[in-house]
Amino acid sequence: MKKTLFLRTESGIVVVPRLENCSWLGCWMHNRWLKSYFKTTVHKAAPKPWRILSSMFEVKVLVGKEGVFQVENKE
């Protein structure tokens, strides 16, 4: 099962927090997983910009298991 936080800006841009301590292959696989759900470019935010954006927009959780996606509210 994979999980990631994400948010959508007012203009519809999808932003996720940047992965830390990830190999290039792991990052590439994560990007493909995100693109398979969102069907668009997903922007990655460093920790400080993510904190700012997440205080301005609603943060959700994308959960994917065996190709089935579910969007949940952040707890």
C-alpha atoms as a PDB file:
ATOM      1  CA  MET A   1       0.000   0.000   0.000  1.00  0.00           C
ATOM      2  CA  LYS A   2       1.269   3.454  -0.895  1.00  0.00           C
ATOM      3  CA  LYS A   3       0.246   6.743   0.726  1.00  0.00           C
ATOM      4  CA  THR A   4       1.113  10.354   0.102  1.00  0.00           C
ATOM      5  CA  LEU A   5      -0.147  13.751   1.158  1.00  0.00           C
ATOM      6  CA  PHE A   6      -1.266  16.114  -1.589  1.00  0.00           C
ATOM      7  CA  LEU A   7      -3.124  19.349  -2.130  1.00  0.00           C
ATOM      8  CA  ARG A   8      -4.705  21.202  -5.033  1.00  0.00           C
ATOM      9  CA  THR A   9      -4.233  24.920  -5.429  1.00  0.00           C
ATOM     10  CA  GLU A  10      -6.986  27.265  -6.570  1.00  0.00           C
ATOM     11  CA  SER A  11      -5.650  27.006 -10.119  1.00  0.00           C
ATOM     12  CA  GLY A  12      -5.796  23.177  -9.997  1.00  0.00           C
ATOM     13  CA  ILE A  13      -2.080  22.504  -9.576  1.00  0.00           C
ATOM     14  CA  VAL A  14      -1.365  19.308  -7.656  1.00  0.00           C
ATOM     15  CA  VAL A  15       1.445  19.555  -5.098  1.00  0.00           C
ATOM     16  CA  VAL A  16       2.980  16.803  -2.969  1.00  0.00           C
ATOM     17  CA  PRO A  17       5.772  16.999  -0.388  1.00  0.00           C
ATOM     18  CA  ARG A  18       9.181  16.144  -1.834  1.00  0.00           C
ATOM     19  CA  LEU A  19      10.481  12.699  -0.889  1.00  0.00           C
ATOM     20  CA  GLU A  20      13.482  12.728   1.418  1.00  0.00           C
ATOM     21  CA  ASN A  21      16.288  10.139   1.319  1.00  0.00           C
ATOM     22  CA  CYS A  22      14.994   8.463  -1.813  1.00  0.00           C
ATOM     23  CA  SER A  23      16.982   6.882  -4.628  1.00  0.00           C
ATOM     24  CA  TRP A  24      16.397   8.116  -8.159  1.00  0.00           C
ATOM     25  CA  LEU A  25      14.603   4.867  -8.960  1.00  0.00           C
ATOM     26  CA  GLY A  26      12.320   5.211  -5.923  1.00  0.00           C
ATOM     27  CA  CYS A  27      11.515   8.810  -6.861  1.00  0.00           C
ATOM     28  CA  TRP A  28      10.844   7.802 -10.467  1.00  0.00           C
ATOM     29  CA  MET A  29       8.457   5.031  -9.362  1.00  0.00           C
ATOM     30  CA  HIS A  30       6.693   7.420  -6.976  1.00  0.00           C
ATOM     31  CA  ASN A  31       6.274   9.964  -9.793  1.00  0.00           C
ATOM     32  CA  ARG A  32       4.786   7.315 -12.107  1.00  0.00           C
ATOM     33  CA  TRP A  33       2.391   6.232  -9.353  1.00  0.00           C
ATOM     34  CA  LEU A  34       1.250   9.842  -8.839  1.00  0.00           C
ATOM     35  CA  LYS A  35       0.847  10.440 -12.562  1.00  0.00           C
ATOM     36  CA  SER A  36      -1.253   7.267 -12.939  1.00  0.00           C
ATOM     37  CA  TYR A  37      -3.821   8.777 -10.563  1.00  0.00           C
ATOM     38  CA  PHE A  38      -3.689  12.498 -11.280  1.00  0.00           C
ATOM     39  CA  LYS A  39      -3.089  12.199 -15.073  1.00  0.00           C
ATOM     40  CA  THR A  40      -1.129  15.455 -14.979  1.00  0.00           C
ATOM     41  CA  THR A  41       2.187  16.862 -13.834  1.00  0.00           C
ATOM     42  CA  VAL A  42       2.584  16.790 -10.069  1.00  0.00           C
ATOM     43  CA  HIS A  43       4.752  19.441  -8.433  1.00  0.00           C
ATOM     44  CA  LYS A  44       7.015  18.527  -5.508  1.00  0.00           C
ATOM     45  CA  ALA A  45       7.474  21.000  -2.667  1.00  0.00           C
ATOM     46  CA  ALA A  46      10.444  21.231  -0.318  1.00  0.00           C
ATOM     47  CA  PRO A  47       9.632  21.184   3.430  1.00  0.00           C
ATOM     48  CA  LYS A  48       9.282  24.952   3.989  1.00  0.00           C
ATOM     49  CA  PRO A  49       7.092  25.664   0.913  1.00  0.00           C
ATOM     50  CA  TRP A  50       5.002  22.584   1.771  1.00  0.00           C
ATOM     51  CA  ARG A  51       4.301  23.954   5.277  1.00  0.00           C
ATOM     52  CA  ILE A  52       3.209  27.270   3.773  1.00  0.00           C
ATOM     53  CA  LEU A  53       1.012  25.688   1.092  1.00  0.00           C
ATOM     54  CA  SER A  54      -0.539  23.180   3.491  1.00  0.00           C
ATOM     55  CA  SER A  55      -1.615  26.026   5.761  1.00  0.00           C
ATOM     56  CA  MET A  56      -3.319  27.724   2.802  1.00  0.00           C
ATOM     57  CA  PHE A  57      -5.017  24.728   1.117  1.00  0.00           C
ATOM     58  CA  GLU A  58      -6.800  21.574   2.244  1.00  0.00           C
ATOM     59  CA  VAL A  59      -4.436  18.607   2.481  1.00  0.00           C
ATOM     60  CA  LYS A  60      -5.710  15.162   1.512  1.00  0.00           C
ATOM     61  CA  VAL A  61      -4.169  11.688   1.529  1.00  0.00           C
ATOM     62  CA  LEU A  62      -3.938   9.574  -1.616  1.00  0.00           C
ATOM     63  CA  VAL A  63      -3.935   5.852  -0.853  1.00  0.00           C
ATOM     64  CA  GLY A  64      -3.214   3.295  -3.531  1.00  0.00           C
ATOM     65  CA  LYS A  65      -3.308  -0.463  -3.255  1.00  0.00           C
ATOM     66  CA  GLU A  66      -2.972  -2.784  -6.244  1.00  0.00           C
ATOM     67  CA  GLY A  67      -4.004  -0.076  -8.708  1.00  0.00           C
ATOM     68  CA  VAL A  68      -7.066   1.037  -6.716  1.00  0.00           C
ATOM     69  CA  PHE A  69      -6.928   4.606  -5.469  1.00  0.00           C
ATOM     70  CA  GLN A  70      -8.778   6.265  -2.627  1.00  0.00           C
ATOM     71  CA  VAL A  71      -8.651   9.874  -1.445  1.00  0.00           C
ATOM     72  CA  GLU A  72      -9.036  10.407   2.291  1.00  0.00           C
ATOM     73  CA  ASN A  73      -9.149  13.492   4.467  1.00  0.00           C
ATOM     74  CA  LYS A  74      -5.982  14.153   6.447  1.00  0.00           C
ATOM     75  CA  GLU A  75      -6.452  13.124  10.051  1.00  0.00           C
END
